[in-house]
Amino acid sequence: VAHFEDKLLLLADGMSTQAGRILAARR
C-alpha cells in the first residue's frame, strides 16, 4: 500500500511526453 502512495500514484508527474502523461493519468 505504501508503494502505491510513494510511487505508483505519482508516475504521471514523471512522464516526459504528452502522450505518456495522458496514458499515465488515465491509468
PDB file of all heavy atoms in Angstrom:
ATOM      1  N   VAL A   1       0.835  -1.203   0.000  1.00  0.00           N
ATOM      2  CA  VAL A   1       0.000   0.000   0.000  1.00  0.00           C
ATOM      3  C   VAL A   1       0.870   1.255   0.000  1.00  0.00           C
ATOM      4  O   VAL A   1       0.587   2.215  -0.724  1.00  0.00           O
ATOM      5  CB  VAL A   1      -0.987  -0.013   1.190  1.00  0.00           C
ATOM      6  CG1 VAL A   1      -1.701   1.312   1.335  1.00  0.00           C
ATOM      7  CG2 VAL A   1      -1.995  -1.142   1.012  1.00  0.00           C
ATOM      8  N   ALA A   2       1.951   1.256   0.748  1.00  0.00           N
ATOM      9  CA  ALA A   2       2.858   2.409   0.751  1.00  0.00           C
ATOM     10  C   ALA A   2       3.487   2.597  -0.625  1.00  0.00           C
ATOM     11  O   ALA A   2       3.733   3.728  -1.052  1.00  0.00           O
ATOM     12  CB  ALA A   2       3.939   2.236   1.815  1.00  0.00           C
ATOM     13  N   HIS A   3       3.725   1.501  -1.342  1.00  0.00           N
ATOM     14  CA  HIS A   3       4.278   1.594  -2.697  1.00  0.00           C
ATOM     15  C   HIS A   3       3.313   2.338  -3.616  1.00  0.00           C
ATOM     16  O   HIS A   3       3.734   3.127  -4.454  1.00  0.00           O
ATOM     17  CB  HIS A   3       4.577   0.190  -3.239  1.00  0.00           C
ATOM     18  CG  HIS A   3       5.255   0.171  -4.564  1.00  0.00           C
ATOM     19  ND1 HIS A   3       6.516   0.671  -4.758  1.00  0.00           N
ATOM     20  CD2 HIS A   3       4.840  -0.283  -5.769  1.00  0.00           C
ATOM     21  CE1 HIS A   3       6.855   0.521  -6.028  1.00  0.00           C
ATOM     22  NE2 HIS A   3       5.850  -0.054  -6.665  1.00  0.00           N
ATOM     23  N   PHE A   4       2.020   2.122  -3.438  1.00  0.00           N
ATOM     24  CA  PHE A   4       1.018   2.890  -4.187  1.00  0.00           C
ATOM     25  C   PHE A   4       1.183   4.367  -3.882  1.00  0.00           C
ATOM     26  O   PHE A   4       1.239   5.199  -4.783  1.00  0.00           O
ATOM     27  CB  PHE A   4      -0.402   2.456  -3.794  1.00  0.00           C
ATOM     28  CG  PHE A   4      -0.991   1.399  -4.666  1.00  0.00           C
ATOM     29  CD1 PHE A   4      -0.581   0.085  -4.546  1.00  0.00           C
ATOM     30  CD2 PHE A   4      -1.952   1.704  -5.604  1.00  0.00           C
ATOM     31  CE1 PHE A   4      -1.123  -0.903  -5.344  1.00  0.00           C
ATOM     32  CE2 PHE A   4      -2.513   0.726  -6.412  1.00  0.00           C
ATOM     33  CZ  PHE A   4      -2.088  -0.584  -6.282  1.00  0.00           C
ATOM     34  N   GLU A   5       1.258   4.703  -2.586  1.00  0.00           N
ATOM     35  CA  GLU A   5       1.335   6.108  -2.172  1.00  0.00           C
ATOM     36  C   GLU A   5       2.647   6.770  -2.594  1.00  0.00           C
ATOM     37  O   GLU A   5       2.647   7.924  -3.016  1.00  0.00           O
ATOM     38  CB  GLU A   5       1.198   6.197  -0.647  1.00  0.00           C
ATOM     39  CG  GLU A   5      -0.110   5.690  -0.125  1.00  0.00           C
ATOM     40  CD  GLU A   5      -0.114   5.481   1.376  1.00  0.00           C
ATOM     41  OE1 GLU A   5       0.958   5.464   2.009  1.00  0.00           O
ATOM     42  OE2 GLU A   5      -1.203   5.304   1.915  1.00  0.00           O
ATOM     43  N   ASP A   6       3.740   6.042  -2.457  1.00  0.00           N
ATOM     44  CA  ASP A   6       5.064   6.626  -2.666  1.00  0.00           C
ATOM     45  C   ASP A   6       5.513   6.639  -4.123  1.00  0.00           C
ATOM     46  O   ASP A   6       6.373   7.442  -4.490  1.00  0.00           O
ATOM     47  CB  ASP A   6       6.115   5.870  -1.850  1.00  0.00           C
ATOM     48  CG  ASP A   6       5.880   5.976  -0.353  1.00  0.00           C
ATOM     49  OD1 ASP A   6       5.153   6.899   0.077  1.00  0.00           O
ATOM     50  OD2 ASP A   6       6.421   5.133   0.394  1.00  0.00           O
ATOM     51  N   LYS A   7       4.961   5.759  -4.956  1.00  0.00           N
ATOM     52  CA  LYS A   7       5.454   5.682  -6.323  1.00  0.00           C
ATOM     53  C   LYS A   7       4.351   5.592  -7.366  1.00  0.00           C
ATOM     54  O   LYS A   7       4.274   6.414  -8.271  1.00  0.00           O
ATOM     55  CB  LYS A   7       6.394   4.496  -6.477  1.00  0.00           C
ATOM     56  CG  LYS A   7       7.006   4.427  -7.868  1.00  0.00           C
ATOM     57  CD  LYS A   7       8.077   3.382  -7.970  1.00  0.00           C
ATOM     58  CE  LYS A   7       8.702   3.448  -9.360  1.00  0.00           C
ATOM     59  NZ  LYS A   7       9.715   2.437  -9.546  1.00  0.00           N
ATOM     60  N   LEU A   8       3.513   4.578  -7.284  1.00  0.00           N
ATOM     61  CA  LEU A   8       2.571   4.297  -8.366  1.00  0.00           C
ATOM     62  C   LEU A   8       1.613   5.454  -8.646  1.00  0.00           C
ATOM     63  O   LEU A   8       1.317   5.746  -9.803  1.00  0.00           O
ATOM     64  CB  LEU A   8       1.792   3.016  -8.081  1.00  0.00           C
ATOM     65  CG  LEU A   8       2.622   1.740  -8.010  1.00  0.00           C
ATOM     66  CD1 LEU A   8       1.736   0.547  -7.676  1.00  0.00           C
ATOM     67  CD2 LEU A   8       3.391   1.508  -9.295  1.00  0.00           C
ATOM     68  N   LEU A   9       1.120   6.105  -7.603  1.00  0.00           N
ATOM     69  CA  LEU A   9       0.157   7.191  -7.799  1.00  0.00           C
ATOM     70  C   LEU A   9       0.823   8.484  -8.287  1.00  0.00           C
ATOM     71  O   LEU A   9       0.140   9.431  -8.640  1.00  0.00           O
ATOM     72  CB  LEU A   9      -0.625   7.445  -6.508  1.00  0.00           C
ATOM     73  CG  LEU A   9      -1.487   6.271  -6.045  1.00  0.00           C
ATOM     74  CD1 LEU A   9      -2.144   6.597  -4.703  1.00  0.00           C
ATOM     75  CD2 LEU A   9      -2.537   5.890  -7.080  1.00  0.00           C
ATOM     76  N   LEU A  10       2.145   8.502  -8.335  1.00  0.00           N
ATOM     77  CA  LEU A  10       2.886   9.703  -8.749  1.00  0.00           C
ATOM     78  C   LEU A  10       3.543   9.572 -10.117  1.00  0.00           C
ATOM     79  O   LEU A  10       4.187  10.510 -10.586  1.00  0.00           O
ATOM     80  CB  LEU A  10       3.966  10.024  -7.706  1.00  0.00           C
ATOM     81  CG  LEU A  10       3.474  10.178  -6.266  1.00  0.00           C
ATOM     82  CD1 LEU A  10       4.659  10.362  -5.335  1.00  0.00           C
ATOM     83  CD2 LEU A  10       2.496  11.320  -6.149  1.00  0.00           C
ATOM     84  N   LEU A  11       3.377   8.432 -10.776  1.00  0.00           N
ATOM     85  CA  LEU A  11       4.077   8.181 -12.029  1.00  0.00           C
ATOM     86  C   LEU A  11       3.740   9.181 -13.130  1.00  0.00           C
ATOM     87  O   LEU A  11       4.612   9.559 -13.914  1.00  0.00           O
ATOM     88  CB  LEU A  11       3.791   6.765 -12.529  1.00  0.00           C
ATOM     89  CG  LEU A  11       4.505   5.647 -11.771  1.00  0.00           C
ATOM     90  CD1 LEU A  11       4.032   4.294 -12.268  1.00  0.00           C
ATOM     91  CD2 LEU A  11       6.002   5.771 -11.898  1.00  0.00           C
ATOM     92  N   ALA A  12       2.506   9.638 -13.205  1.00  0.00           N
ATOM     93  CA  ALA A  12       2.104  10.553 -14.277  1.00  0.00           C
ATOM     94  C   ALA A  12       2.939  11.834 -14.256  1.00  0.00           C
ATOM     95  O   ALA A  12       3.260  12.383 -15.311  1.00  0.00           O
ATOM     96  CB  ALA A  12       0.621  10.881 -14.169  1.00  0.00           C
ATOM     97  N   ASP A  13       3.326  12.278 -13.073  1.00  0.00           N
ATOM     98  CA  ASP A  13       4.116  13.512 -12.952  1.00  0.00           C
ATOM     99  C   ASP A  13       5.494  13.386 -13.585  1.00  0.00           C
ATOM    100  O   ASP A  13       6.087  14.389 -13.971  1.00  0.00           O
ATOM    101  CB  ASP A  13       4.280  13.894 -11.478  1.00  0.00           C
ATOM    102  CG  ASP A  13       2.960  14.211 -10.809  1.00  0.00           C
ATOM    103  OD1 ASP A  13       1.996  14.563 -11.521  1.00  0.00           O
ATOM    104  OD2 ASP A  13       2.887  14.093  -9.578  1.00  0.00           O
ATOM    105  N   GLY A  14       6.000  12.166 -13.726  1.00  0.00           N
ATOM    106  CA  GLY A  14       7.332  11.974 -14.251  1.00  0.00           C
ATOM    107  C   GLY A  14       7.404  11.661 -15.737  1.00  0.00           C
ATOM    108  O   GLY A  14       8.493  11.481 -16.280  1.00  0.00           O
ATOM    109  N   MET A  15       6.281  11.636 -16.411  1.00  0.00           N
ATOM    110  CA  MET A  15       6.282  11.318 -17.837  1.00  0.00           C
ATOM    111  C   MET A  15       6.822  12.502 -18.637  1.00  0.00           C
ATOM    112  O   MET A  15       6.524  13.647 -18.329  1.00  0.00           O
ATOM    113  CB  MET A  15       4.876  10.973 -18.323  1.00  0.00           C
ATOM    114  CG  MET A  15       4.274   9.729 -17.688  1.00  0.00           C
ATOM    115  SD  MET A  15       5.154   8.228 -18.103  1.00  0.00           S
ATOM    116  CE  MET A  15       5.808   7.753 -16.523  1.00  0.00           C
ATOM    117  N   SER A  16       7.603  12.210 -19.657  1.00  0.00           N
ATOM    118  CA  SER A  16       8.254  13.288 -20.395  1.00  0.00           C
ATOM    119  C   SER A  16       7.541  13.680 -21.685  1.00  0.00           C
ATOM    120  O   SER A  16       7.875  14.706 -22.271  1.00  0.00           O
ATOM    121  CB  SER A  16       9.705  12.904 -20.709  1.00  0.00           C
ATOM    122  OG  SER A  16       9.740  11.711 -21.463  1.00  0.00           O
ATOM    123  N   THR A  17       6.569  12.900 -22.115  1.00  0.00           N
ATOM    124  CA  THR A  17       5.835  13.260 -23.335  1.00  0.00           C
ATOM    125  C   THR A  17       4.362  13.486 -22.993  1.00  0.00           C
ATOM    126  O   THR A  17       3.853  12.957 -22.000  1.00  0.00           O
ATOM    127  CB  THR A  17       5.921  12.152 -24.402  1.00  0.00           C
ATOM    128  OG1 THR A  17       5.237  10.991 -23.928  1.00  0.00           O
ATOM    129  CG2 THR A  17       7.363  11.825 -24.742  1.00  0.00           C
ATOM    130  N   GLN A  18       3.691  14.233 -23.823  1.00  0.00           N
ATOM    131  CA  GLN A  18       2.264  14.482 -23.623  1.00  0.00           C
ATOM    132  C   GLN A  18       1.480  13.174 -23.665  1.00  0.00           C
ATOM    133  O   GLN A  18       0.612  12.943 -22.829  1.00  0.00           O
ATOM    134  CB  GLN A  18       1.742  15.455 -24.689  1.00  0.00           C
ATOM    135  CG  GLN A  18       0.280  15.811 -24.550  1.00  0.00           C
ATOM    136  CD  GLN A  18      -0.012  16.599 -23.274  1.00  0.00           C
ATOM    137  OE1 GLN A  18       0.869  17.198 -22.660  1.00  0.00           O
ATOM    138  NE2 GLN A  18      -1.257  16.596 -22.867  1.00  0.00           N
ATOM    139  N   ALA A  19       1.802  12.314 -24.632  1.00  0.00           N
ATOM    140  CA  ALA A  19       1.105  11.028 -24.734  1.00  0.00           C
ATOM    141  C   ALA A  19       1.330  10.178 -23.484  1.00  0.00           C
ATOM    142  O   ALA A  19       0.398   9.541 -22.980  1.00  0.00           O
ATOM    143  CB  ALA A  19       1.575  10.271 -25.973  1.00  0.00           C
ATOM    144  N   GLY A  20       2.544  10.187 -22.986  1.00  0.00           N
ATOM    145  CA  GLY A  20       2.851   9.445 -21.764  1.00  0.00           C
ATOM    146  C   GLY A  20       2.091   9.982 -20.569  1.00  0.00           C
ATOM    147  O   GLY A  20       1.591   9.213 -19.741  1.00  0.00           O
ATOM    148  N   ARG A  21       1.990  11.306 -20.460  1.00  0.00           N
ATOM    149  CA  ARG A  21       1.252  11.910 -19.347  1.00  0.00           C
ATOM    150  C   ARG A  21      -0.227  11.574 -19.415  1.00  0.00           C
ATOM    151  O   ARG A  21      -0.857  11.286 -18.394  1.00  0.00           O
ATOM    152  CB  ARG A  21       1.465  13.419 -19.324  1.00  0.00           C
ATOM    153  CG  ARG A  21       2.846  13.815 -18.811  1.00  0.00           C
ATOM    154  CD  ARG A  21       2.975  15.314 -18.624  1.00  0.00           C
ATOM    155  NE  ARG A  21       2.955  16.045 -19.879  1.00  0.00           N
ATOM    156  CZ  ARG A  21       4.006  16.242 -20.657  1.00  0.00           C
ATOM    157  NH1 ARG A  21       5.191  15.759 -20.309  1.00  0.00           N
ATOM    158  NH2 ARG A  21       3.912  16.923 -21.783  1.00  0.00           N
ATOM    159  N   ILE A  22      -0.790  11.580 -20.621  1.00  0.00           N
ATOM    160  CA  ILE A  22      -2.213  11.258 -20.784  1.00  0.00           C
ATOM    161  C   ILE A  22      -2.481   9.814 -20.390  1.00  0.00           C
ATOM    162  O   ILE A  22      -3.406   9.519 -19.627  1.00  0.00           O
ATOM    163  CB  ILE A  22      -2.671  11.537 -22.230  1.00  0.00           C
ATOM    164  CG1 ILE A  22      -2.687  13.043 -22.485  1.00  0.00           C
ATOM    165  CG2 ILE A  22      -4.045  10.930 -22.506  1.00  0.00           C
ATOM    166  CD1 ILE A  22      -2.859  13.424 -23.943  1.00  0.00           C
ATOM    167  N   LEU A  23      -1.668   8.904 -20.911  1.00  0.00           N
ATOM    168  CA  LEU A  23      -1.832   7.490 -20.597  1.00  0.00           C
ATOM    169  C   LEU A  23      -1.621   7.234 -19.106  1.00  0.00           C
ATOM    170  O   LEU A  23      -2.402   6.528 -18.462  1.00  0.00           O
ATOM    171  CB  LEU A  23      -0.856   6.649 -21.420  1.00  0.00           C
ATOM    172  CG  LEU A  23      -0.939   5.148 -21.276  1.00  0.00           C
ATOM    173  CD1 LEU A  23      -2.326   4.637 -21.637  1.00  0.00           C
ATOM    174  CD2 LEU A  23       0.103   4.493 -22.157  1.00  0.00           C
ATOM    175  N   ALA A  24      -0.579   7.826 -18.542  1.00  0.00           N
ATOM    176  CA  ALA A  24      -0.293   7.640 -17.120  1.00  0.00           C
ATOM    177  C   ALA A  24      -1.393   8.242 -16.251  1.00  0.00           C
ATOM    178  O   ALA A  24      -1.725   7.684 -15.198  1.00  0.00           O
ATOM    179  CB  ALA A  24       1.057   8.250 -16.768  1.00  0.00           C
ATOM    180  N   ALA A  25      -1.975   9.354 -16.656  1.00  0.00           N
ATOM    181  CA  ALA A  25      -3.067   9.957 -15.884  1.00  0.00           C
ATOM    182  C   ALA A  25      -4.287   9.040 -15.874  1.00  0.00           C
ATOM    183  O   ALA A  25      -4.930   8.858 -14.836  1.00  0.00           O
ATOM    184  CB  ALA A  25      -3.431  11.315 -16.458  1.00  0.00           C
ATOM    185  N   ARG A  26      -4.596   8.448 -17.011  1.00  0.00           N
ATOM    186  CA  ARG A  26      -5.739   7.537 -17.090  1.00  0.00           C
ATOM    187  C   ARG A  26      -5.498   6.298 -16.232  1.00  0.00           C
ATOM    188  O   ARG A  26      -6.363   5.891 -15.464  1.00  0.00           O
ATOM    189  CB  ARG A  26      -5.998   7.148 -18.541  1.00  0.00           C
ATOM    190  CG  ARG A  26      -7.274   6.355 -18.716  1.00  0.00           C
ATOM    191  CD  ARG A  26      -7.653   6.137 -20.157  1.00  0.00           C
ATOM    192  NE  ARG A  26      -6.674   5.283 -20.826  1.00  0.00           N
ATOM    193  CZ  ARG A  26      -6.106   5.548 -21.990  1.00  0.00           C
ATOM    194  NH1 ARG A  26      -6.408   6.650 -22.644  1.00  0.00           N
ATOM    195  NH2 ARG A  26      -5.241   4.713 -22.518  1.00  0.00           N
ATOM    196  N   ARG A  27      -4.331   5.726 -16.340  1.00  0.00           N
ATOM    197  CA  ARG A  27      -4.012   4.547 -15.531  1.00  0.00           C
ATOM    198  C   ARG A  27      -3.898   4.903 -14.056  1.00  0.00           C
ATOM    199  O   ARG A  27      -4.281   4.128 -13.187  1.00  0.00           O
ATOM    200  CB  ARG A  27      -2.728   3.902 -16.041  1.00  0.00           C
ATOM    201  CG  ARG A  27      -2.946   3.254 -17.396  1.00  0.00           C
ATOM    202  CD  ARG A  27      -1.712   2.598 -17.912  1.00  0.00           C
ATOM    203  NE  ARG A  27      -1.982   1.972 -19.204  1.00  0.00           N
ATOM    204  CZ  ARG A  27      -1.061   1.469 -19.975  1.00  0.00           C
ATOM    205  NH1 ARG A  27       0.207   1.505 -19.607  1.00  0.00           N
ATOM    206  NH2 ARG A  27      -1.389   0.918 -21.123  1.00  0.00           N
TER     207      ARG A  27
END
